């Protein structure tokens, strides 16, 4: 009788081991499928890198339209105001007026007043993305730590860029310079 009980316990234990092995073999296939499907963060990163590099490759005459195309309307207005602070152009604001107008919606201390879109330099040769890492995200937006580099001019431009997710697209919602 003891032999029968021991044999039965061995059989039950062997069956449980076999089930664990089958389960372990099936798990990786689920993980591989999940890893193969790109997530929104990776899509946003690819979009951002491509958009920035295309912006700097575009003709200077088209840069304003290109900026409008890749930014939210609110950020476009904000950055246009920041670039034109105290300049002798129609609609330009003083720094105090700029701060007052935008202080509730953006971090005006990091607006890049008087500097261009994405980089602080006025001239560039060939801008490439040398770093683009996701640093935070939520349902509405993702924040990336970005370094834009111009190797020919030996310049680097570190920025933090917030990207908003739309239905089928992404837009730059803020650039902290």
N, C-alpha and C. Protein backbone atom coordinates (compact mmCIF):
# COMPACT_ATOMS: atom_id res chain seq x y z
N UNK A 1 0.83 -1.19 0.00
CA UNK A 1 0.00 0.00 0.00
C UNK A 1 0.87 1.25 0.00
N UNK A 2 1.96 1.22 0.84
CA UNK A 2 2.85 2.37 0.91
C UNK A 2 3.48 2.64 -0.44
N UNK A 3 3.82 1.55 -1.14
CA UNK A 3 4.44 1.71 -2.45
C UNK A 3 3.48 2.37 -3.43
N UNK A 4 2.21 2.03 -3.35
CA UNK A 4 1.19 2.58 -4.25
C UNK A 4 1.01 4.08 -3.98
N UNK A 5 1.00 4.48 -2.70
CA UNK A 5 0.86 5.89 -2.33
C UNK A 5 2.06 6.69 -2.80
N UNK A 6 3.25 6.13 -2.59
CA UNK A 6 4.48 6.81 -3.03
C UNK A 6 4.49 6.95 -4.55
N UNK A 7 4.10 5.89 -5.26
CA UNK A 7 4.06 5.93 -6.72
C UNK A 7 3.05 6.97 -7.19
N UNK A 8 1.90 7.04 -6.53
CA UNK A 8 0.87 8.01 -6.88
C UNK A 8 1.37 9.43 -6.66
N UNK A 9 2.06 9.68 -5.54
CA UNK A 9 2.61 11.00 -5.26
C UNK A 9 3.67 11.39 -6.30
N UNK A 10 4.50 10.42 -6.70
CA UNK A 10 5.51 10.69 -7.73
C UNK A 10 4.86 11.05 -9.07
N UNK A 11 3.81 10.36 -9.41
CA UNK A 11 3.11 10.63 -10.67
C UNK A 11 2.48 12.03 -10.64
N UNK A 12 1.84 12.38 -9.52
CA UNK A 12 1.22 13.71 -9.38
C UNK A 12 2.28 14.80 -9.47
N UNK A 13 3.40 14.60 -8.78
CA UNK A 13 4.50 15.57 -8.81
C UNK A 13 5.05 15.71 -10.22
N UNK A 14 5.21 14.62 -10.93
CA UNK A 14 5.73 14.64 -12.30
C UNK A 14 4.77 15.39 -13.22
N UNK A 15 3.47 15.19 -13.03
CA UNK A 15 2.48 15.89 -13.86
C UNK A 15 2.54 17.40 -13.62
N UNK A 16 2.69 17.80 -12.35
CA UNK A 16 2.77 19.22 -12.04
C UNK A 16 4.02 19.85 -12.65
N UNK A 17 5.16 19.13 -12.61
CA UNK A 17 6.41 19.61 -13.22
C UNK A 17 6.23 19.80 -14.71
N UNK A 18 5.56 18.83 -15.34
CA UNK A 18 5.35 18.90 -16.78
C UNK A 18 4.49 20.11 -17.13
N UNK A 19 3.46 20.41 -16.32
CA UNK A 19 2.60 21.57 -16.56
C UNK A 19 3.39 22.87 -16.40
N UNK A 20 4.29 22.94 -15.42
CA UNK A 20 5.11 24.13 -15.22
C UNK A 20 6.02 24.35 -16.42
N UNK A 21 6.59 23.25 -16.95
CA UNK A 21 7.46 23.37 -18.11
C UNK A 21 6.69 23.85 -19.33
N UNK A 22 5.49 23.36 -19.54
CA UNK A 22 4.66 23.78 -20.66
C UNK A 22 4.30 25.26 -20.50
N UNK A 23 3.93 25.67 -19.29
CA UNK A 23 3.60 27.08 -19.03
C UNK A 23 4.79 27.98 -19.28
N UNK A 24 5.96 27.56 -18.82
CA UNK A 24 7.18 28.35 -19.00
C UNK A 24 7.52 28.49 -20.47
N UNK A 25 7.26 27.44 -21.25
CA UNK A 25 7.55 27.51 -22.68
C UNK A 25 6.58 28.45 -23.39
N UNK A 26 5.35 28.56 -22.94
CA UNK A 26 4.36 29.40 -23.59
C UNK A 26 4.53 30.88 -23.24
N UNK A 27 5.00 31.22 -22.05
CA UNK A 27 5.12 32.60 -21.62
C UNK A 27 5.98 33.47 -22.53
N UNK A 28 7.17 33.04 -22.92
CA UNK A 28 8.00 33.90 -23.75
C UNK A 28 7.33 34.31 -25.06
N UNK A 29 6.52 33.42 -25.65
CA UNK A 29 5.87 33.78 -26.91
C UNK A 29 4.93 34.97 -26.72
N UNK A 30 4.28 35.08 -25.57
CA UNK A 30 3.41 36.23 -25.30
C UNK A 30 4.24 37.49 -25.15
N UNK A 31 5.37 37.39 -24.48
CA UNK A 31 6.23 38.55 -24.28
C UNK A 31 6.81 39.04 -25.60
N UNK A 32 7.17 38.12 -26.47
CA UNK A 32 7.74 38.48 -27.76
C UNK A 32 6.71 39.26 -28.57
N UNK A 33 5.47 38.83 -28.56
CA UNK A 33 4.41 39.53 -29.28
C UNK A 33 4.27 40.94 -28.74
N UNK A 34 4.27 41.10 -27.43
CA UNK A 34 4.13 42.43 -26.83
C UNK A 34 5.31 43.32 -27.17
N UNK A 35 6.52 42.73 -27.20
CA UNK A 35 7.71 43.52 -27.51
C UNK A 35 7.75 43.92 -28.98
N UNK A 36 7.19 43.09 -29.86
CA UNK A 36 7.19 43.39 -31.29
C UNK A 36 6.25 44.56 -31.61
N UNK A 37 5.21 44.74 -30.84
CA UNK A 37 4.25 45.82 -31.08
C UNK A 37 4.80 47.12 -30.51
N UNK A 38 5.07 48.12 -31.36
CA UNK A 38 5.63 49.37 -30.85
C UNK A 38 4.62 50.11 -29.98
N UNK A 39 5.08 50.69 -28.90
CA UNK A 39 4.19 51.44 -28.04
C UNK A 39 4.19 52.92 -28.47
N UNK A 40 3.30 53.68 -27.90
CA UNK A 40 3.16 55.09 -28.25
C UNK A 40 4.43 55.88 -27.96
N UNK A 41 5.14 55.53 -26.90
CA UNK A 41 6.37 56.25 -26.56
C UNK A 41 7.42 56.10 -27.65
N UNK A 42 7.58 54.89 -28.13
CA UNK A 42 8.56 54.64 -29.19
C UNK A 42 8.14 55.32 -30.49
N UNK A 43 6.84 55.28 -30.78
CA UNK A 43 6.33 55.97 -31.97
C UNK A 43 6.58 57.47 -31.87
N UNK A 44 6.31 58.03 -30.68
CA UNK A 44 6.51 59.47 -30.47
C UNK A 44 7.98 59.83 -30.62
N UNK A 45 8.86 58.99 -30.10
CA UNK A 45 10.30 59.24 -30.20
C UNK A 45 10.74 59.26 -31.66
N UNK A 46 10.32 58.26 -32.43
CA UNK A 46 10.68 58.20 -33.84
C UNK A 46 10.14 59.41 -34.59
N UNK A 47 8.89 59.77 -34.31
CA UNK A 47 8.29 60.93 -34.96
C UNK A 47 9.07 62.19 -34.62
N UNK A 48 9.40 62.37 -33.34
CA UNK A 48 10.12 63.56 -32.90
C UNK A 48 11.48 63.66 -33.57
N UNK A 49 12.23 62.59 -33.58
CA UNK A 49 13.56 62.61 -34.18
C UNK A 49 13.48 62.96 -35.67
N UNK A 50 12.57 62.33 -36.37
CA UNK A 50 12.42 62.58 -37.80
C UNK A 50 11.96 64.02 -38.05
N UNK A 51 11.01 64.49 -37.26
CA UNK A 51 10.48 65.85 -37.44
C UNK A 51 11.55 66.91 -37.20
N UNK A 52 12.36 66.73 -36.16
CA UNK A 52 13.40 67.71 -35.87
C UNK A 52 14.44 67.75 -36.98
N UNK A 53 14.90 66.59 -37.41
CA UNK A 53 15.92 66.56 -38.46
C UNK A 53 15.37 67.12 -39.77
N UNK A 54 14.11 66.81 -40.09
CA UNK A 54 13.50 67.36 -41.30
C UNK A 54 13.33 68.87 -41.21
N UNK A 55 13.04 69.36 -40.02
CA UNK A 55 12.90 70.81 -39.84
C UNK A 55 14.20 71.52 -40.21
N UNK A 56 15.33 70.98 -39.77
CA UNK A 56 16.61 71.64 -40.04
C UNK A 56 17.11 71.39 -41.46
N UNK A 57 16.56 70.42 -42.15
CA UNK A 57 16.92 70.18 -43.55
C UNK A 57 16.10 71.04 -44.50
N UNK A 58 14.95 71.50 -44.02
CA UNK A 58 14.03 72.26 -44.88
C UNK A 58 14.62 73.62 -45.26
N UNK A 59 14.12 74.16 -46.33
CA UNK A 59 14.50 75.48 -46.80
C UNK A 59 14.13 76.51 -45.73
N UNK A 60 15.00 77.48 -45.50
CA UNK A 60 14.74 78.50 -44.47
C UNK A 60 13.42 79.23 -44.71
N UNK A 61 13.04 79.42 -45.94
CA UNK A 61 11.78 80.09 -46.25
C UNK A 61 10.56 79.29 -45.80
N UNK A 62 10.73 77.99 -45.67
CA UNK A 62 9.62 77.11 -45.27
C UNK A 62 9.65 76.78 -43.78
N UNK A 63 10.64 77.31 -43.06
CA UNK A 63 10.80 76.91 -41.65
C UNK A 63 9.60 77.30 -40.79
N UNK A 64 8.98 78.45 -41.06
CA UNK A 64 7.82 78.85 -40.25
C UNK A 64 6.65 77.89 -40.48
N UNK A 65 6.38 77.54 -41.72
CA UNK A 65 5.30 76.59 -42.02
C UNK A 65 5.61 75.22 -41.43
N UNK A 66 6.87 74.82 -41.49
CA UNK A 66 7.28 73.53 -40.94
C UNK A 66 7.08 73.53 -39.42
N UNK A 67 7.46 74.64 -38.78
CA UNK A 67 7.27 74.74 -37.33
C UNK A 67 5.79 74.64 -36.98
N UNK A 68 4.94 75.32 -37.74
CA UNK A 68 3.50 75.24 -37.49
C UNK A 68 2.98 73.82 -37.64
N UNK A 69 3.53 73.10 -38.59
CA UNK A 69 3.07 71.74 -38.88
C UNK A 69 3.40 70.76 -37.76
N UNK A 70 4.51 70.98 -37.05
CA UNK A 70 4.94 69.99 -36.05
C UNK A 70 4.70 70.44 -34.60
N UNK A 71 4.08 71.60 -34.41
CA UNK A 71 3.81 72.09 -33.05
C UNK A 71 2.31 72.29 -32.84
N UNK A 72 1.92 72.32 -31.57
CA UNK A 72 0.54 72.66 -31.25
C UNK A 72 0.33 74.15 -31.57
N UNK A 73 -0.87 74.57 -31.90
CA UNK A 73 -1.11 75.99 -32.18
C UNK A 73 -0.71 76.89 -31.00
N UNK A 74 -1.00 76.45 -29.79
CA UNK A 74 -0.67 77.23 -28.60
C UNK A 74 0.85 77.40 -28.45
N UNK A 75 1.60 76.30 -28.62
CA UNK A 75 3.05 76.40 -28.50
C UNK A 75 3.63 77.24 -29.64
N UNK A 76 3.10 77.11 -30.83
CA UNK A 76 3.58 77.91 -31.96
C UNK A 76 3.46 79.41 -31.65
N UNK A 77 2.30 79.82 -31.15
CA UNK A 77 2.10 81.24 -30.80
C UNK A 77 3.06 81.67 -29.69
N UNK A 78 3.21 80.83 -28.69
CA UNK A 78 4.10 81.11 -27.56
C UNK A 78 5.54 81.27 -28.03
N UNK A 79 6.03 80.32 -28.81
CA UNK A 79 7.43 80.38 -29.24
C UNK A 79 7.66 81.54 -30.22
N UNK A 80 6.69 81.83 -31.06
CA UNK A 80 6.81 82.97 -31.97
C UNK A 80 6.94 84.26 -31.15
N UNK A 81 6.12 84.39 -30.13
CA UNK A 81 6.23 85.56 -29.23
C UNK A 81 7.60 85.59 -28.57
N UNK A 82 8.10 84.44 -28.10
CA UNK A 82 9.39 84.38 -27.41
C UNK A 82 10.54 84.78 -28.34
N UNK A 83 10.47 84.35 -29.59
CA UNK A 83 11.53 84.68 -30.55
C UNK A 83 11.54 86.17 -30.90
N UNK A 84 10.38 86.80 -30.78
CA UNK A 84 10.26 88.20 -31.20
C UNK A 84 10.26 89.21 -30.04
N UNK A 85 10.52 88.75 -28.82
CA UNK A 85 10.53 89.67 -27.68
C UNK A 85 11.52 90.80 -27.93
N UNK A 86 11.03 92.03 -27.71
CA UNK A 86 11.82 93.26 -27.85
C UNK A 86 12.43 93.45 -29.24
N UNK A 87 11.86 92.82 -30.25
CA UNK A 87 12.33 93.04 -31.62
C UNK A 87 11.44 94.09 -32.27
N UNK A 88 11.95 94.71 -33.27
CA UNK A 88 11.20 95.76 -33.96
C UNK A 88 10.36 95.15 -35.08
N UNK A 89 9.40 94.32 -34.70
CA UNK A 89 8.47 93.71 -35.66
C UNK A 89 7.05 93.86 -35.14
N UNK A 90 6.10 93.84 -36.07
CA UNK A 90 4.69 93.97 -35.68
C UNK A 90 4.30 92.87 -34.69
N UNK A 91 3.65 93.27 -33.64
CA UNK A 91 3.15 92.32 -32.65
C UNK A 91 4.16 91.85 -31.63
N UNK A 92 5.40 92.36 -31.69
CA UNK A 92 6.38 91.90 -30.70
C UNK A 92 6.04 92.46 -29.33
N UNK A 93 6.37 91.70 -28.33
CA UNK A 93 6.08 92.06 -26.94
C UNK A 93 7.36 92.43 -26.22
N UNK A 94 7.21 93.21 -25.16
CA UNK A 94 8.35 93.41 -24.26
C UNK A 94 8.47 92.13 -23.44
N UNK A 95 9.60 91.97 -22.76
CA UNK A 95 9.76 90.76 -21.95
C UNK A 95 8.71 90.70 -20.85
N UNK A 96 8.37 91.83 -20.28
CA UNK A 96 7.36 91.87 -19.21
C UNK A 96 5.99 91.48 -19.78
N UNK A 97 5.65 91.98 -20.96
CA UNK A 97 4.37 91.62 -21.59
C UNK A 97 4.33 90.13 -21.92
N UNK A 98 5.45 89.62 -22.40
CA UNK A 98 5.54 88.19 -22.72
C UNK A 98 5.30 87.35 -21.47
N UNK A 99 5.99 87.69 -20.39
CA UNK A 99 5.85 86.95 -19.12
C UNK A 99 4.39 86.98 -18.66
N UNK A 100 3.78 88.13 -18.73
CA UNK A 100 2.40 88.30 -18.28
C UNK A 100 1.43 87.48 -19.14
N UNK A 101 1.64 87.50 -20.44
CA UNK A 101 0.74 86.80 -21.37
C UNK A 101 0.80 85.28 -21.21
N UNK A 102 2.00 84.71 -21.01
CA UNK A 102 2.16 83.26 -21.07
C UNK A 102 2.45 82.58 -19.73
N UNK A 103 2.60 83.32 -18.64
CA UNK A 103 3.05 82.72 -17.38
C UNK A 103 2.15 81.60 -16.86
N UNK A 104 0.89 81.61 -17.14
CA UNK A 104 -0.01 80.58 -16.64
C UNK A 104 0.03 79.27 -17.42
N UNK A 105 0.47 79.34 -18.66
CA UNK A 105 0.42 78.14 -19.51
C UNK A 105 1.77 77.49 -19.78
N UNK A 106 2.85 78.26 -19.68
CA UNK A 106 4.19 77.75 -19.97
C UNK A 106 5.18 78.23 -18.93
N UNK A 107 6.31 77.55 -18.83
CA UNK A 107 7.41 77.98 -17.96
C UNK A 107 8.20 79.02 -18.75
N UNK A 108 7.84 80.28 -18.58
CA UNK A 108 8.43 81.35 -19.39
C UNK A 108 9.92 81.54 -19.15
N UNK A 109 10.42 81.06 -18.02
CA UNK A 109 11.86 81.17 -17.76
C UNK A 109 12.66 80.25 -18.69
N UNK A 110 11.99 79.26 -19.28
CA UNK A 110 12.67 78.31 -20.17
C UNK A 110 12.16 78.42 -21.61
N UNK A 111 11.69 79.61 -21.97
CA UNK A 111 11.09 79.82 -23.29
C UNK A 111 12.12 79.94 -24.40
N UNK A 112 13.34 80.30 -24.05
CA UNK A 112 14.33 80.56 -25.09
C UNK A 112 14.06 81.90 -25.74
N UNK A 113 13.83 82.91 -24.91
CA UNK A 113 13.53 84.25 -25.42
C UNK A 113 14.69 84.73 -26.30
N UNK A 114 14.34 85.19 -27.49
CA UNK A 114 15.34 85.71 -28.41
C UNK A 114 16.11 84.65 -29.16
N UNK A 115 15.84 83.39 -28.90
CA UNK A 115 16.53 82.32 -29.63
C UNK A 115 15.55 81.59 -30.53
N UNK A 116 16.10 80.80 -31.42
CA UNK A 116 15.27 80.11 -32.40
C UNK A 116 14.53 78.90 -31.85
N UNK A 117 13.77 78.29 -32.74
CA UNK A 117 13.00 77.10 -32.41
C UNK A 117 13.96 75.91 -32.32
N UNK A 118 13.94 75.21 -31.22
CA UNK A 118 14.70 74.00 -30.91
C UNK A 118 16.17 74.24 -30.55
N UNK A 119 16.82 75.22 -31.14
CA UNK A 119 18.23 75.48 -30.81
C UNK A 119 18.41 76.96 -30.49
N UNK A 120 19.43 77.26 -29.72
CA UNK A 120 19.71 78.65 -29.36
C UNK A 120 20.60 79.34 -30.39
N UNK A 121 21.26 78.57 -31.24
CA UNK A 121 22.14 79.14 -32.26
C UNK A 121 21.37 79.78 -33.40
N UNK A 122 21.94 80.82 -33.99
CA UNK A 122 21.33 81.48 -35.13
C UNK A 122 21.69 80.79 -36.44
N UNK A 123 22.87 80.20 -36.49
CA UNK A 123 23.35 79.52 -37.69
C UNK A 123 23.58 78.05 -37.39
N UNK A 124 23.42 77.23 -38.41
CA UNK A 124 23.72 75.81 -38.27
C UNK A 124 24.12 75.27 -39.64
N UNK A 125 24.79 74.13 -39.59
CA UNK A 125 25.20 73.48 -40.81
C UNK A 125 24.35 72.24 -41.04
N UNK A 126 24.55 71.24 -40.18
CA UNK A 126 23.77 70.00 -40.28
C UNK A 126 23.42 69.54 -38.87
N UNK A 127 22.17 69.72 -38.50
CA UNK A 127 21.69 69.34 -37.17
C UNK A 127 21.22 67.88 -37.19
N UNK A 128 21.72 67.12 -36.24
CA UNK A 128 21.33 65.72 -36.06
C UNK A 128 20.92 65.52 -34.60
N UNK A 129 20.06 64.56 -34.37
CA UNK A 129 19.67 64.20 -33.01
C UNK A 129 20.72 63.23 -32.48
N UNK A 130 21.46 63.65 -31.45
CA UNK A 130 22.46 62.75 -30.88
C UNK A 130 21.95 62.04 -29.63
N UNK A 131 20.84 62.53 -29.08
CA UNK A 131 20.23 61.88 -27.91
C UNK A 131 18.74 62.21 -27.91
N UNK A 132 17.94 61.20 -27.64
CA UNK A 132 16.49 61.40 -27.51
C UNK A 132 15.98 60.28 -26.60
N UNK A 133 15.79 60.62 -25.33
CA UNK A 133 15.37 59.63 -24.34
C UNK A 133 14.09 60.07 -23.65
N UNK A 134 13.18 59.15 -23.52
CA UNK A 134 11.94 59.40 -22.79
C UNK A 134 12.25 59.56 -21.31
N UNK A 135 11.78 60.67 -20.70
CA UNK A 135 12.03 60.86 -19.27
C UNK A 135 10.75 60.83 -18.44
N UNK A 136 9.60 61.07 -19.08
CA UNK A 136 8.33 60.92 -18.37
C UNK A 136 7.20 60.85 -19.39
N UNK A 137 6.08 60.28 -18.95
CA UNK A 137 4.93 60.19 -19.83
C UNK A 137 3.65 60.02 -19.03
N UNK A 138 2.56 60.43 -19.66
CA UNK A 138 1.23 60.14 -19.16
C UNK A 138 0.33 59.94 -20.38
N UNK A 139 -0.97 59.86 -20.20
CA UNK A 139 -1.86 59.59 -21.33
C UNK A 139 -1.78 60.67 -22.41
N UNK A 140 -1.65 61.92 -21.98
CA UNK A 140 -1.71 63.03 -22.93
C UNK A 140 -0.38 63.37 -23.57
N UNK A 141 0.72 63.24 -22.83
CA UNK A 141 1.99 63.69 -23.39
C UNK A 141 3.18 62.89 -22.88
N UNK A 142 4.31 63.11 -23.57
CA UNK A 142 5.57 62.47 -23.23
C UNK A 142 6.66 63.55 -23.22
N UNK A 143 7.59 63.44 -22.27
CA UNK A 143 8.70 64.39 -22.18
C UNK A 143 9.98 63.67 -22.56
N UNK A 144 10.73 64.28 -23.48
CA UNK A 144 11.98 63.69 -23.95
C UNK A 144 13.15 64.60 -23.61
N UNK A 145 14.26 63.97 -23.24
CA UNK A 145 15.53 64.66 -23.04
C UNK A 145 16.27 64.53 -24.36
N UNK A 146 16.52 65.66 -25.00
CA UNK A 146 17.05 65.66 -26.36
C UNK A 146 18.34 66.47 -26.43
N UNK A 147 19.29 65.99 -27.22
CA UNK A 147 20.47 66.78 -27.55
C UNK A 147 20.56 66.82 -29.07
N UNK A 148 20.52 68.05 -29.60
CA UNK A 148 20.70 68.27 -31.03
C UNK A 148 22.14 68.70 -31.24
N UNK A 149 22.80 68.11 -32.21
CA UNK A 149 24.22 68.37 -32.42
C UNK A 149 24.50 68.82 -33.85
N UNK A 150 25.43 69.74 -33.95
CA UNK A 150 25.95 70.18 -35.24
C UNK A 150 27.46 69.92 -35.20
N UNK A 151 27.86 68.78 -35.70
CA UNK A 151 29.27 68.38 -35.61
C UNK A 151 30.19 69.32 -36.35
N UNK A 152 29.75 69.83 -37.49
CA UNK A 152 30.60 70.72 -38.27
C UNK A 152 30.90 72.03 -37.55
N UNK A 153 29.92 72.53 -36.80
CA UNK A 153 30.13 73.77 -36.03
C UNK A 153 30.49 73.48 -34.57
N UNK A 154 30.64 72.21 -34.25
CA UNK A 154 30.99 71.77 -32.90
C UNK A 154 30.07 72.38 -31.84
N UNK A 155 28.77 72.24 -32.08
CA UNK A 155 27.77 72.81 -31.17
C UNK A 155 26.78 71.72 -30.74
N UNK A 156 26.37 71.80 -29.48
CA UNK A 156 25.35 70.90 -28.96
C UNK A 156 24.27 71.74 -28.29
N UNK A 157 23.03 71.31 -28.48
CA UNK A 157 21.89 72.04 -27.94
C UNK A 157 21.01 71.08 -27.13
N UNK A 158 21.19 71.06 -25.80
CA UNK A 158 20.33 70.20 -24.96
C UNK A 158 18.99 70.88 -24.69
N UNK A 159 17.91 70.15 -24.87
CA UNK A 159 16.56 70.66 -24.62
C UNK A 159 15.70 69.53 -24.07
N UNK A 160 14.61 69.91 -23.45
CA UNK A 160 13.58 68.97 -23.02
C UNK A 160 12.36 69.30 -23.89
N UNK A 161 11.78 68.28 -24.49
CA UNK A 161 10.67 68.49 -25.42
C UNK A 161 9.46 67.67 -24.99
N UNK A 162 8.33 68.37 -24.87
CA UNK A 162 7.07 67.70 -24.55
C UNK A 162 6.31 67.46 -25.85
N UNK A 163 5.91 66.20 -26.06
CA UNK A 163 5.18 65.81 -27.25
C UNK A 163 3.79 65.35 -26.83
N UNK A 164 2.77 65.91 -27.48
CA UNK A 164 1.39 65.51 -27.23
C UNK A 164 0.97 64.46 -28.24
N UNK A 165 0.15 63.52 -27.77
CA UNK A 165 -0.40 62.50 -28.65
C UNK A 165 -1.74 62.95 -29.17
N UNK A 166 -1.90 62.87 -30.47
CA UNK A 166 -3.20 63.12 -31.08
C UNK A 166 -3.80 61.78 -31.46
N UNK A 167 -4.88 61.82 -32.26
CA UNK A 167 -5.50 60.56 -32.68
C UNK A 167 -4.55 59.74 -33.55
N UNK A 168 -3.99 60.36 -34.56
CA UNK A 168 -3.09 59.63 -35.45
C UNK A 168 -1.77 60.37 -35.65
N UNK A 169 -1.45 61.27 -34.73
CA UNK A 169 -0.23 62.04 -34.91
C UNK A 169 0.32 62.51 -33.57
N UNK A 170 1.44 63.20 -33.64
CA UNK A 170 2.07 63.80 -32.48
C UNK A 170 2.36 65.26 -32.81
N UNK A 171 2.46 66.08 -31.78
CA UNK A 171 2.83 67.49 -31.95
C UNK A 171 3.70 67.92 -30.80
N UNK A 172 4.65 68.80 -31.08
CA UNK A 172 5.49 69.37 -30.02
C UNK A 172 4.65 70.38 -29.26
N UNK A 173 4.54 70.19 -27.95
CA UNK A 173 3.71 71.06 -27.11
C UNK A 173 4.53 72.03 -26.27
N UNK A 174 5.83 71.77 -26.13
CA UNK A 174 6.70 72.67 -25.37
C UNK A 174 8.15 72.25 -25.58
N UNK A 175 9.04 73.25 -25.57
CA UNK A 175 10.48 73.02 -25.64
C UNK A 175 11.09 73.83 -24.52
N UNK A 176 11.75 73.16 -23.60
CA UNK A 176 12.39 73.85 -22.47
C UNK A 176 13.86 74.05 -22.83
N UNK A 177 14.23 75.33 -23.01
CA UNK A 177 15.60 75.66 -23.41
C UNK A 177 16.37 76.24 -22.26
